[in-house]
Amino acid sequence: MKGAWSNISGYFSELWAAWNRFWFTPVDPATLSLVRLLGGGMLLYTHLVWSLDLSGFIGPDGYTPLAFMDQLQREWSVWSVFAWTGSMWGVWTIHIVALVAFAMLFMGLFSRTSAVVAYLLAVSYAHRVTPGAYFGLDKANCMIALYLVLGPCGARYSLDRLWRLRRGDQAPAPPSVSANIAVRLLQLHLCVVYLFSGLAKLEGVTWKLGTAMWWAAANYEYQSLDLTWLAGWPMLVALITHLTLFWELFYCCLVWNRFTRPIVLWTAVVVHGGIALFMGMITFGLAMIIANLSFLRPETVRRWVDPVANRVALALVGRRVG
């Protein structure tokens, strides 16, 4: 009995140690910084295009009446800073402030503060345009922005880092527990997104029959490239459909294994790259690829990005990035 209790106690001790290693191991903030750089650029671009018809999408006399939005906000308990103004002057003021915040996040200037402001404003845009133009891109943007708030997203590849170098602080960015927590939460969020996306597909008929990809390819509303030739390859369409469904359902299991992770992540690039190229949803596809970069090891990120960052740092301040 004593031996059995010792084994059980040892098992839970190991489980607790693994939990702590998963969440609270300090890591190099390179991965989080790369997500900030690319995610901040995506936030800036995707909200900059609202400027083309800001009055239509967000203005008080736009496509979605303010009275209807007020009703939705009361029923759904959502909020938006755009509810604080009833004039286009106020809307444009908030919009310009938002673009500045997104640009600061992209460049890594006052990164933690700009991340908080960027997240709150990204949610405000999403809530204001609901339900007329609230798509996966808005959700991906808000997801990325949320987790940038939690860690030192400007520790690398940022103006904050260049400013520290200019002042003579050449100490390398230290490993951070909060960077690990931020990345882990983003990773788990992706696992939940893909799992429930796959489960939702199982409720339909076309994914089970293997024809879902054909209906997506044949939809002229989203079609960027002509894929109607797939009509002559029904077995290929069925294979692609079922492989995509399998990938979504088992992403949350396979992505954690170091042997299967590269396959899972390259599949993410193919799936979301295909959505971008063939269905015209370029920004959504890129945003999801950016989120998947959270699974890259900091060593891999530094091997890819540090040479470019060092050249920029040498050109601007005459020092290498540590």
C-alpha atoms as a PDB file:
ATOM      1  CA  MET A   1       0.000   0.000   0.000  1.00  0.00           C
ATOM      2  CA  LYS A   2       2.832   2.328   0.872  1.00  0.00           C
ATOM      3  CA  GLY A   3       4.504   1.601  -2.475  1.00  0.00           C
ATOM      4  CA  ALA A   4       1.299   2.322  -4.404  1.00  0.00           C
ATOM      5  CA  TRP A   5       0.855   5.622  -2.582  1.00  0.00           C
ATOM      6  CA  SER A   6       4.477   6.520  -3.306  1.00  0.00           C
ATOM      7  CA  ASN A   7       3.948   5.863  -7.035  1.00  0.00           C
ATOM      8  CA  ILE A   8       0.765   7.964  -7.109  1.00  0.00           C
ATOM      9  CA  SER A   9       2.480  10.786  -5.216  1.00  0.00           C
ATOM     10  CA  GLY A  10       5.447  10.657  -7.580  1.00  0.00           C
ATOM     11  CA  TYR A  11       3.152  10.774 -10.613  1.00  0.00           C
ATOM     12  CA  PHE A  12       1.353  13.907  -9.406  1.00  0.00           C
ATOM     13  CA  SER A  13       4.673  15.506  -8.447  1.00  0.00           C
ATOM     14  CA  GLU A  14       5.939  14.957 -11.988  1.00  0.00           C
ATOM     15  CA  LEU A  15       2.653  16.252 -13.391  1.00  0.00           C
ATOM     16  CA  TRP A  16       2.906  19.399 -11.281  1.00  0.00           C
ATOM     17  CA  ALA A  17       6.530  19.916 -12.356  1.00  0.00           C
ATOM     18  CA  ALA A  18       5.536  19.535 -16.021  1.00  0.00           C
ATOM     19  CA  TRP A  19       2.719  22.072 -15.548  1.00  0.00           C
ATOM     20  CA  ASN A  20       5.159  24.568 -14.070  1.00  0.00           C
ATOM     21  CA  ARG A  21       7.682  23.984 -16.862  1.00  0.00           C
ATOM     22  CA  PHE A  22       4.992  24.500 -19.487  1.00  0.00           C
ATOM     23  CA  TRP A  23       3.774  27.815 -18.113  1.00  0.00           C
ATOM     24  CA  PHE A  24       6.535  29.337 -16.024  1.00  0.00           C
ATOM     25  CA  THR A  25       9.817  28.519 -17.750  1.00  0.00           C
ATOM     26  CA  PRO A  26      11.500  31.805 -18.729  1.00  0.00           C
ATOM     27  CA  VAL A  27      11.973  31.965 -22.506  1.00  0.00           C
ATOM     28  CA  ASP A  28      13.657  34.291 -24.952  1.00  0.00           C
ATOM     29  CA  PRO A  29      11.005  36.831 -26.082  1.00  0.00           C
ATOM     30  CA  ALA A  30      12.049  36.462 -29.739  1.00  0.00           C
ATOM     31  CA  THR A  31       8.913  34.539 -30.752  1.00  0.00           C
ATOM     32  CA  LEU A  32       6.557  37.009 -29.068  1.00  0.00           C
ATOM     33  CA  SER A  33       8.466  39.922 -30.605  1.00  0.00           C
ATOM     34  CA  LEU A  34       8.134  38.428 -34.093  1.00  0.00           C
ATOM     35  CA  VAL A  35       4.379  37.970 -33.593  1.00  0.00           C
ATOM     36  CA  ARG A  36       4.217  41.620 -32.483  1.00  0.00           C
ATOM     37  CA  LEU A  37       6.108  42.825 -35.537  1.00  0.00           C
ATOM     38  CA  LEU A  38       3.960  40.939 -38.047  1.00  0.00           C
ATOM     39  CA  GLY A  39       0.692  41.128 -36.100  1.00  0.00           C
ATOM     40  CA  GLY A  40       1.123  44.860 -35.534  1.00  0.00           C
ATOM     41  CA  GLY A  41       1.699  45.355 -39.248  1.00  0.00           C
ATOM     42  CA  MET A  42      -1.464  43.391 -40.001  1.00  0.00           C
ATOM     43  CA  LEU A  43      -3.464  45.469 -37.508  1.00  0.00           C
ATOM     44  CA  LEU A  44      -2.179  48.678 -39.090  1.00  0.00           C
ATOM     45  CA  TYR A  45      -2.960  47.627 -42.656  1.00  0.00           C
ATOM     46  CA  THR A  46      -6.371  46.060 -42.040  1.00  0.00           C
ATOM     47  CA  HIS A  47      -7.609  49.086 -40.082  1.00  0.00           C
ATOM     48  CA  LEU A  48      -6.031  51.597 -42.437  1.00  0.00           C
ATOM     49  CA  VAL A  49      -8.291  50.341 -45.224  1.00  0.00           C
ATOM     50  CA  TRP A  50     -11.348  51.362 -43.161  1.00  0.00           C
ATOM     51  CA  SER A  51     -10.305  54.914 -44.072  1.00  0.00           C
ATOM     52  CA  LEU A  52     -11.558  54.348 -47.611  1.00  0.00           C
ATOM     53  CA  ASP A  53     -15.163  54.363 -46.370  1.00  0.00           C
ATOM     54  CA  LEU A  54     -14.979  55.197 -42.677  1.00  0.00           C
ATOM     55  CA  SER A  55     -18.320  57.008 -42.622  1.00  0.00           C
ATOM     56  CA  GLY A  56     -20.054  54.020 -44.204  1.00  0.00           C
ATOM     57  CA  PHE A  57     -18.705  51.358 -41.891  1.00  0.00           C
ATOM     58  CA  ILE A  58     -18.355  53.231 -38.598  1.00  0.00           C
ATOM     59  CA  GLY A  59     -20.024  56.636 -38.992  1.00  0.00           C
ATOM     60  CA  PRO A  60     -23.280  57.586 -37.244  1.00  0.00           C
ATOM     61  CA  ASP A  61     -25.122  57.485 -40.585  1.00  0.00           C
ATOM     62  CA  GLY A  62     -23.355  54.376 -41.850  1.00  0.00           C
ATOM     63  CA  TYR A  63     -24.562  51.018 -43.076  1.00  0.00           C
ATOM     64  CA  THR A  64     -25.380  49.808 -39.538  1.00  0.00           C
ATOM     65  CA  PRO A  65     -27.642  52.344 -37.719  1.00  0.00           C
ATOM     66  CA  LEU A  66     -26.443  53.500 -34.312  1.00  0.00           C
ATOM     67  CA  ALA A  67     -29.815  52.658 -32.769  1.00  0.00           C
ATOM     68  CA  PHE A  68     -29.418  49.059 -33.868  1.00  0.00           C
ATOM     69  CA  MET A  69     -25.851  48.969 -32.546  1.00  0.00           C
ATOM     70  CA  ASP A  70     -26.992  50.371 -29.204  1.00  0.00           C
ATOM     71  CA  GLN A  71     -29.572  47.595 -28.972  1.00  0.00           C
ATOM     72  CA  LEU A  72     -26.967  44.939 -29.769  1.00  0.00           C
ATOM     73  CA  GLN A  73     -24.555  46.369 -27.240  1.00  0.00           C
ATOM     74  CA  ARG A  74     -27.202  46.241 -24.520  1.00  0.00           C
ATOM     75  CA  GLU A  75     -28.282  42.699 -25.380  1.00  0.00           C
ATOM     76  CA  TRP A  76     -24.804  41.255 -25.912  1.00  0.00           C
ATOM     77  CA  SER A  77     -23.013  43.389 -23.297  1.00  0.00           C
ATOM     78  CA  VAL A  78     -20.407  44.527 -25.819  1.00  0.00           C
ATOM     79  CA  TRP A  79     -18.695  47.900 -25.879  1.00  0.00           C
ATOM     80  CA  SER A  80     -16.906  50.153 -28.335  1.00  0.00           C
ATOM     81  CA  VAL A  81     -15.179  53.494 -27.962  1.00  0.00           C
ATOM     82  CA  PHE A  82     -17.022  54.589 -31.093  1.00  0.00           C
ATOM     83  CA  ALA A  83     -20.203  54.598 -29.005  1.00  0.00           C
ATOM     84  CA  TRP A  84     -18.808  57.640 -27.192  1.00  0.00           C
ATOM     85  CA  THR A  85     -19.199  59.882 -30.216  1.00  0.00           C
ATOM     86  CA  GLY A  86     -22.075  60.649 -32.540  1.00  0.00           C
ATOM     87  CA  SER A  87     -20.163  62.765 -35.039  1.00  0.00           C
ATOM     88  CA  MET A  88     -17.792  61.964 -37.886  1.00  0.00           C
ATOM     89  CA  TRP A  89     -15.272  64.367 -36.360  1.00  0.00           C
ATOM     90  CA  GLY A  90     -15.126  62.172 -33.283  1.00  0.00           C
ATOM     91  CA  VAL A  91     -15.001  58.974 -35.360  1.00  0.00           C
ATOM     92  CA  TRP A  92     -12.064  60.290 -37.394  1.00  0.00           C
ATOM     93  CA  THR A  93     -10.263  61.367 -34.217  1.00  0.00           C
ATOM     94  CA  ILE A  94     -10.563  57.887 -32.721  1.00  0.00           C
ATOM     95  CA  HIS A  95      -9.570  56.338 -36.046  1.00  0.00           C
ATOM     96  CA  ILE A  96      -6.393  58.405 -36.306  1.00  0.00           C
ATOM     97  CA  VAL A  97      -5.473  57.616 -32.695  1.00  0.00           C
ATOM     98  CA  ALA A  98      -6.012  53.931 -33.459  1.00  0.00           C
ATOM     99  CA  LEU A  99      -3.795  54.030 -36.541  1.00  0.00           C
ATOM    100  CA  VAL A 100      -1.045  55.700 -34.513  1.00  0.00           C
ATOM    101  CA  ALA A 101      -1.362  52.997 -31.837  1.00  0.00           C
ATOM    102  CA  PHE A 102      -1.219  50.219 -34.432  1.00  0.00           C
ATOM    103  CA  ALA A 103       1.823  51.837 -36.069  1.00  0.00           C
ATOM    104  CA  MET A 104       3.559  52.124 -32.684  1.00  0.00           C
ATOM    105  CA  LEU A 105       2.861  48.465 -31.979  1.00  0.00           C
ATOM    106  CA  PHE A 106       4.194  47.479 -35.391  1.00  0.00           C
ATOM    107  CA  MET A 107       7.394  49.471 -34.890  1.00  0.00           C
ATOM    108  CA  GLY A 108       7.704  48.475 -31.234  1.00  0.00           C
ATOM    109  CA  LEU A 109       7.545  51.959 -29.744  1.00  0.00           C
ATOM    110  CA  PHE A 110       6.346  51.938 -26.100  1.00  0.00           C
ATOM    111  CA  SER A 111       5.344  48.396 -26.942  1.00  0.00           C
ATOM    112  CA  ARG A 112       3.466  47.323 -23.818  1.00  0.00           C
ATOM    113  CA  THR A 113       1.390  50.511 -23.695  1.00  0.00           C
ATOM    114  CA  SER A 114       0.677  50.524 -27.414  1.00  0.00           C
ATOM    115  CA  ALA A 115      -0.323  46.827 -27.184  1.00  0.00           C
ATOM    116  CA  VAL A 116      -2.988  47.613 -24.579  1.00  0.00           C
ATOM    117  CA  VAL A 117      -4.353  50.545 -26.594  1.00  0.00           C
ATOM    118  CA  ALA A 118      -4.221  48.549 -29.845  1.00  0.00           C
ATOM    119  CA  TYR A 119      -6.160  45.652 -28.343  1.00  0.00           C
ATOM    120  CA  LEU A 120      -8.904  47.872 -26.911  1.00  0.00           C
ATOM    121  CA  LEU A 121      -9.287  49.735 -30.198  1.00  0.00           C
ATOM    122  CA  ALA A 122      -9.233  46.551 -32.315  1.00  0.00           C
ATOM    123  CA  VAL A 123     -12.113  45.195 -30.208  1.00  0.00           C
ATOM    124  CA  SER A 124     -13.908  48.528 -30.600  1.00  0.00           C
ATOM    125  CA  TYR A 125     -13.763  48.285 -34.399  1.00  0.00           C
ATOM    126  CA  ALA A 126     -15.002  44.696 -34.315  1.00  0.00           C
ATOM    127  CA  HIS A 127     -17.939  45.550 -32.065  1.00  0.00           C
ATOM    128  CA  ARG A 128     -18.888  48.626 -34.071  1.00  0.00           C
ATOM    129  CA  VAL A 129     -19.156  46.856 -37.419  1.00  0.00           C
ATOM    130  CA  THR A 130     -21.002  43.841 -36.003  1.00  0.00           C
ATOM    131  CA  PRO A 131     -22.879  42.103 -37.566  1.00  0.00           C
ATOM    132  CA  GLY A 132     -22.360  43.474 -41.050  1.00  0.00           C
ATOM    133  CA  ALA A 133     -18.588  43.021 -41.424  1.00  0.00           C
ATOM    134  CA  TYR A 134     -17.331  40.914 -38.518  1.00  0.00           C
ATOM    135  CA  PHE A 135     -15.287  38.096 -39.980  1.00  0.00           C
ATOM    136  CA  GLY A 136     -12.450  35.759 -39.105  1.00  0.00           C
ATOM    137  CA  LEU A 137      -9.869  38.461 -39.781  1.00  0.00           C
ATOM    138  CA  ASP A 138     -11.243  40.656 -36.986  1.00  0.00           C
ATOM    139  CA  LYS A 139     -11.201  37.710 -34.592  1.00  0.00           C
ATOM    140  CA  ALA A 140      -7.628  36.791 -35.548  1.00  0.00           C
ATOM    141  CA  ASN A 141      -6.487  40.407 -35.107  1.00  0.00           C
ATOM    142  CA  CYS A 142      -8.075  40.666 -31.662  1.00  0.00           C
ATOM    143  CA  MET A 143      -6.673  37.280 -30.637  1.00  0.00           C
ATOM    144  CA  ILE A 144      -3.127  38.272 -31.532  1.00  0.00           C
ATOM    145  CA  ALA A 145      -3.414  41.740 -29.979  1.00  0.00           C
ATOM    146  CA  LEU A 146      -4.739  40.332 -26.697  1.00  0.00           C
ATOM    147  CA  TYR A 147      -1.730  38.127 -25.998  1.00  0.00           C
ATOM    148  CA  LEU A 148       0.776  40.811 -26.975  1.00  0.00           C
ATOM    149  CA  VAL A 149      -0.472  42.719 -23.936  1.00  0.00           C
ATOM    150  CA  LEU A 150       0.718  39.996 -21.566  1.00  0.00           C
ATOM    151  CA  GLY A 151       4.428  39.828 -22.374  1.00  0.00           C
ATOM    152  CA  PRO A 152       7.488  41.922 -23.333  1.00  0.00           C
ATOM    153  CA  CYS A 153       6.537  42.043 -27.010  1.00  0.00           C
ATOM    154  CA  GLY A 154       8.973  44.885 -27.697  1.00  0.00           C
ATOM    155  CA  ALA A 155      12.042  43.210 -26.218  1.00  0.00           C
ATOM    156  CA  ARG A 156      13.364  42.460 -29.716  1.00  0.00           C
ATOM    157  CA  TYR A 157      12.918  43.770 -33.277  1.00  0.00           C
ATOM    158  CA  SER A 158      11.580  47.115 -32.031  1.00  0.00           C
ATOM    159  CA  LEU A 159      12.326  50.801 -31.678  1.00  0.00           C
ATOM    160  CA  ASP A 160      12.298  50.231 -27.918  1.00  0.00           C
ATOM    161  CA  ARG A 161      15.273  47.896 -28.349  1.00  0.00           C
ATOM    162  CA  LEU A 162      17.070  50.320 -30.666  1.00  0.00           C
ATOM    163  CA  TRP A 163      16.514  53.115 -28.157  1.00  0.00           C
ATOM    164  CA  ARG A 164      18.123  51.027 -25.417  1.00  0.00           C
ATOM    165  CA  LEU A 165      21.071  50.308 -27.697  1.00  0.00           C
ATOM    166  CA  ARG A 166      21.453  53.987 -28.490  1.00  0.00           C
ATOM    167  CA  ARG A 167      21.670  54.715 -24.770  1.00  0.00           C
ATOM    168  CA  GLY A 168      24.455  52.144 -24.462  1.00  0.00           C
ATOM    169  CA  ASP A 169      22.416  49.281 -23.011  1.00  0.00           C
ATOM    170  CA  GLN A 170      23.786  46.319 -24.966  1.00  0.00           C
ATOM    171  CA  ALA A 171      22.579  43.648 -22.554  1.00  0.00           C
ATOM    172  CA  PRO A 172      20.628  40.944 -24.419  1.00  0.00           C
ATOM    173  CA  ALA A 173      16.902  40.685 -23.874  1.00  0.00           C
ATOM    174  CA  PRO A 174      16.531  38.464 -20.778  1.00  0.00           C
ATOM    175  CA  PRO A 175      14.387  35.315 -20.740  1.00  0.00           C
ATOM    176  CA  SER A 176      10.888  36.107 -19.527  1.00  0.00           C
ATOM    177  CA  VAL A 177       8.143  34.128 -17.795  1.00  0.00           C
ATOM    178  CA  SER A 178       5.482  36.517 -19.080  1.00  0.00           C
ATOM    179  CA  ALA A 179       6.681  36.003 -22.666  1.00  0.00           C
ATOM    180  CA  ASN A 180       6.203  32.266 -22.193  1.00  0.00           C
ATOM    181  CA  ILE A 181       2.711  32.731 -20.722  1.00  0.00           C
ATOM    182  CA  ALA A 182       1.670  35.016 -23.592  1.00  0.00           C
ATOM    183  CA  VAL A 183       2.909  32.578 -26.239  1.00  0.00           C
ATOM    184  CA  ARG A 184       1.379  29.558 -24.484  1.00  0.00           C
ATOM    185  CA  LEU A 185      -2.018  31.226 -24.279  1.00  0.00           C
ATOM    186  CA  LEU A 186      -1.906  32.104 -27.971  1.00  0.00           C
ATOM    187  CA  GLN A 187      -0.939  28.523 -28.793  1.00  0.00           C
ATOM    188  CA  LEU A 188      -3.800  27.100 -26.718  1.00  0.00           C
ATOM    189  CA  HIS A 189      -6.232  29.588 -28.247  1.00  0.00           C
ATOM    190  CA  LEU A 190      -5.265  28.323 -31.706  1.00  0.00           C
ATOM    191  CA  CYS A 191      -5.828  24.727 -30.589  1.00  0.00           C
ATOM    192  CA  VAL A 192      -9.331  25.607 -29.386  1.00  0.00           C
ATOM    193  CA  VAL A 193     -10.122  27.509 -32.607  1.00  0.00           C
ATOM    194  CA  TYR A 194      -9.111  24.636 -34.865  1.00  0.00           C
ATOM    195  CA  LEU A 195     -10.753  21.950 -32.734  1.00  0.00           C
ATOM    196  CA  PHE A 196     -14.138  23.643 -32.648  1.00  0.00           C
ATOM    197  CA  SER A 197     -13.860  24.605 -36.304  1.00  0.00           C
ATOM    198  CA  GLY A 198     -13.368  20.938 -37.138  1.00  0.00           C
ATOM    199  CA  LEU A 199     -16.206  19.819 -34.861  1.00  0.00           C
ATOM    200  CA  ALA A 200     -18.526  22.370 -36.482  1.00  0.00           C
ATOM    201  CA  LYS A 201     -17.629  21.004 -39.910  1.00  0.00           C
ATOM    202  CA  LEU A 202     -18.655  17.518 -38.777  1.00  0.00           C
ATOM    203  CA  GLU A 203     -22.185  18.798 -38.304  1.00  0.00           C
ATOM    204  CA  GLY A 204     -22.465  19.498 -42.025  1.00  0.00           C
ATOM    205  CA  VAL A 205     -22.883  17.034 -44.861  1.00  0.00           C
ATOM    206  CA  THR A 206     -20.369  18.266 -47.431  1.00  0.00           C
ATOM    207  CA  TRP A 207     -17.315  17.697 -45.222  1.00  0.00           C
ATOM    208  CA  LYS A 208     -18.389  14.132 -44.514  1.00  0.00           C
ATOM    209  CA  LEU A 209     -19.041  13.486 -48.194  1.00  0.00           C
ATOM    210  CA  GLY A 210     -15.709  15.046 -49.194  1.00  0.00           C
ATOM    211  CA  THR A 211     -17.246  17.713 -51.433  1.00  0.00           C
ATOM    212  CA  ALA A 212     -16.743  20.792 -49.237  1.00  0.00           C
ATOM    213  CA  MET A 213     -13.579  21.904 -51.015  1.00  0.00           C
ATOM    214  CA  TRP A 214     -15.334  21.714 -54.351  1.00  0.00           C
ATOM    215  CA  TRP A 215     -18.142  24.007 -53.208  1.00  0.00           C
ATOM    216  CA  ALA A 216     -15.569  26.473 -51.875  1.00  0.00           C
ATOM    217  CA  ALA A 217     -13.580  26.377 -55.124  1.00  0.00           C
ATOM    218  CA  ALA A 218     -16.704  26.733 -57.279  1.00  0.00           C
ATOM    219  CA  ASN A 219     -18.037  29.741 -55.329  1.00  0.00           C
ATOM    220  CA  TYR A 220     -17.527  32.738 -57.654  1.00  0.00           C
ATOM    221  CA  GLU A 221     -18.068  35.185 -54.774  1.00  0.00           C
ATOM    222  CA  TYR A 222     -14.729  34.178 -53.214  1.00  0.00           C
ATOM    223  CA  GLN A 223     -12.920  32.741 -56.217  1.00  0.00           C
ATOM    224  CA  SER A 224      -9.595  34.427 -57.036  1.00  0.00           C
ATOM    225  CA  LEU A 225      -8.258  31.747 -59.360  1.00  0.00           C
ATOM    226  CA  ASP A 226     -10.270  29.393 -61.523  1.00  0.00           C
ATOM    227  CA  LEU A 227     -10.359  26.024 -59.786  1.00  0.00           C
ATOM    228  CA  THR A 228     -13.334  24.576 -61.614  1.00  0.00           C
ATOM    229  CA  TRP A 229     -10.958  22.074 -63.233  1.00  0.00           C
ATOM    230  CA  LEU A 230     -11.200  20.210 -59.909  1.00  0.00           C
ATOM    231  CA  ALA A 231     -14.608  18.989 -61.081  1.00  0.00           C
ATOM    232  CA  GLY A 232     -12.757  16.370 -63.084  1.00  0.00           C
ATOM    233  CA  TRP A 233     -10.817  15.141 -60.040  1.00  0.00           C
ATOM    234  CA  PRO A 234     -13.452  14.157 -57.437  1.00  0.00           C
ATOM    235  CA  MET A 235     -11.090  11.796 -55.569  1.00  0.00           C
ATOM    236  CA  LEU A 236      -8.513  14.578 -55.191  1.00  0.00           C
ATOM    237  CA  VAL A 237     -11.188  16.954 -53.905  1.00  0.00           C
ATOM    238  CA  ALA A 238     -12.343  14.347 -51.381  1.00  0.00           C
ATOM    239  CA  LEU A 239      -8.757  13.721 -50.237  1.00  0.00           C
ATOM    240  CA  ILE A 240      -8.042  17.431 -49.728  1.00  0.00           C
ATOM    241  CA  THR A 241     -11.356  17.876 -47.903  1.00  0.00           C
ATOM    242  CA  HIS A 242     -10.788  15.007 -45.480  1.00  0.00           C
ATOM    243  CA  LEU A 243      -7.126  15.886 -44.879  1.00  0.00           C
ATOM    244  CA  THR A 244      -8.127  19.456 -44.017  1.00  0.00           C
ATOM    245  CA  LEU A 245     -10.775  18.209 -41.593  1.00  0.00           C
ATOM    246  CA  PHE A 246      -8.310  15.753 -40.023  1.00  0.00           C
ATOM    247  CA  TRP A 247      -5.740  18.542 -39.620  1.00  0.00           C
ATOM    248  CA  GLU A 248      -8.224  20.819 -37.839  1.00  0.00           C
ATOM    249  CA  LEU A 249      -9.510  18.097 -35.522  1.00  0.00           C
ATOM    250  CA  PHE A 250      -6.095  16.819 -34.487  1.00  0.00           C
ATOM    251  CA  TYR A 251      -4.103  20.069 -34.606  1.00  0.00           C
ATOM    252  CA  CYS A 252      -4.462  20.343 -30.810  1.00  0.00           C
ATOM    253  CA  CYS A 253      -2.787  16.943 -30.377  1.00  0.00           C
ATOM    254  CA  LEU A 254      -0.146  16.802 -33.097  1.00  0.00           C
ATOM    255  CA  VAL A 255       1.245  20.334 -32.815  1.00  0.00           C
ATOM    256  CA  TRP A 256       2.828  19.657 -29.408  1.00  0.00           C
ATOM    257  CA  ASN A 257       4.950  16.727 -30.587  1.00  0.00           C
ATOM    258  CA  ARG A 258       8.333  17.862 -31.873  1.00  0.00           C
ATOM    259  CA  PHE A 259       8.257  15.304 -34.686  1.00  0.00           C
ATOM    260  CA  THR A 260       4.784  16.144 -36.015  1.00  0.00           C
ATOM    261  CA  ARG A 261       4.882  19.893 -35.322  1.00  0.00           C
ATOM    262  CA  PRO A 262       6.699  20.835 -38.561  1.00  0.00           C
ATOM    263  CA  ILE A 263       4.116  18.897 -40.590  1.00  0.00           C
ATOM    264  CA  VAL A 264       1.238  20.572 -38.728  1.00  0.00           C
ATOM    265  CA  LEU A 265       2.689  24.069 -39.137  1.00  0.00           C
ATOM    266  CA  TRP A 266       3.544  23.634 -42.826  1.00  0.00           C
ATOM    267  CA  THR A 267       0.013  22.341 -43.330  1.00  0.00           C
ATOM    268  CA  ALA A 268      -1.229  25.553 -41.686  1.00  0.00           C
ATOM    269  CA  VAL A 269       0.806  27.540 -44.202  1.00  0.00           C
ATOM    270  CA  VAL A 270      -0.652  25.515 -47.082  1.00  0.00           C
ATOM    271  CA  VAL A 271      -4.256  25.734 -45.801  1.00  0.00           C
ATOM    272  CA  HIS A 272      -4.235  29.436 -44.970  1.00  0.00           C
ATOM    273  CA  GLY A 273      -2.018  30.264 -47.925  1.00  0.00           C
ATOM    274  CA  GLY A 274      -4.553  28.490 -50.130  1.00  0.00           C
ATOM    275  CA  ILE A 275      -7.371  30.505 -48.560  1.00  0.00           C
ATOM    276  CA  ALA A 276      -5.372  33.663 -49.298  1.00  0.00           C
ATOM    277  CA  LEU A 277      -4.497  32.797 -52.880  1.00  0.00           C
ATOM    278  CA  PHE A 278      -7.552  30.936 -54.114  1.00  0.00           C
ATOM    279  CA  MET A 279     -10.406  32.464 -52.103  1.00  0.00           C
ATOM    280  CA  GLY A 280      -9.288  36.092 -51.992  1.00  0.00           C
ATOM    281  CA  MET A 281      -9.050  36.261 -48.171  1.00  0.00           C
ATOM    282  CA  ILE A 282      -5.414  37.331 -48.180  1.00  0.00           C
ATOM    283  CA  THR A 283      -5.382  39.231 -44.895  1.00  0.00           C
ATOM    284  CA  PHE A 284      -7.211  36.492 -42.979  1.00  0.00           C
ATOM    285  CA  GLY A 285      -4.874  33.827 -44.334  1.00  0.00           C
ATOM    286  CA  LEU A 286      -1.794  35.860 -43.389  1.00  0.00           C
ATOM    287  CA  ALA A 287      -3.161  36.683 -39.918  1.00  0.00           C
ATOM    288  CA  MET A 288      -3.671  32.993 -39.139  1.00  0.00           C
ATOM    289  CA  ILE A 289      -0.184  32.143 -40.411  1.00  0.00           C
ATOM    290  CA  ILE A 290       1.208  34.864 -38.114  1.00  0.00           C
ATOM    291  CA  ALA A 291      -0.646  33.327 -35.166  1.00  0.00           C
ATOM    292  CA  ASN A 292       0.801  29.899 -36.026  1.00  0.00           C
ATOM    293  CA  LEU A 293       4.299  31.372 -35.805  1.00  0.00           C
ATOM    294  CA  SER A 294       3.797  31.318 -32.020  1.00  0.00           C
ATOM    295  CA  PHE A 295       4.840  27.640 -32.177  1.00  0.00           C
ATOM    296  CA  LEU A 296       8.300  28.511 -33.521  1.00  0.00           C
ATOM    297  CA  ARG A 297      11.112  28.081 -31.037  1.00  0.00           C
ATOM    298  CA  PRO A 298      12.911  31.330 -30.092  1.00  0.00           C
ATOM    299  CA  GLU A 299      16.151  29.834 -31.422  1.00  0.00           C
ATOM    300  CA  THR A 300      14.535  29.328 -34.821  1.00  0.00           C
ATOM    301  CA  VAL A 301      13.152  32.865 -34.856  1.00  0.00           C
ATOM    302  CA  ARG A 302      16.530  34.353 -33.969  1.00  0.00           C
ATOM    303  CA  ARG A 303      18.274  32.308 -36.649  1.00  0.00           C
ATOM    304  CA  TRP A 304      15.896  33.721 -39.262  1.00  0.00           C
ATOM    305  CA  VAL A 305      15.322  37.272 -38.031  1.00  0.00           C
ATOM    306  CA  ASP A 306      18.431  38.317 -36.102  1.00  0.00           C
ATOM    307  CA  PRO A 307      20.652  38.784 -39.205  1.00  0.00           C
ATOM    308  CA  VAL A 308      18.157  41.300 -40.610  1.00  0.00           C
ATOM    309  CA  ALA A 309      17.644  42.963 -37.223  1.00  0.00           C
ATOM    310  CA  ASN A 310      21.399  43.288 -36.707  1.00  0.00           C
ATOM    311  CA  ARG A 311      21.857  44.963 -40.085  1.00  0.00           C
ATOM    312  CA  VAL A 312      19.102  47.453 -39.248  1.00  0.00           C
ATOM    313  CA  ALA A 313      20.577  48.132 -35.798  1.00  0.00           C
ATOM    314  CA  LEU A 314      24.059  48.649 -37.215  1.00  0.00           C
ATOM    315  CA  ALA A 315      22.713  51.075 -39.790  1.00  0.00           C
ATOM    316  CA  LEU A 316      20.723  53.096 -37.255  1.00  0.00           C
ATOM    317  CA  VAL A 317      22.780  53.064 -34.059  1.00  0.00           C
ATOM    318  CA  GLY A 318      26.043  51.356 -34.985  1.00  0.00           C
ATOM    319  CA  ARG A 319      25.520  48.446 -32.566  1.00  0.00           C
ATOM    320  CA  ARG A 320      24.546  44.827 -32.897  1.00  0.00           C
ATOM    321  CA  VAL A 321      21.337  43.552 -31.361  1.00  0.00           C
ATOM    322  CA  GLY A 322      22.021  41.134 -28.496  1.00  0.00           C
END
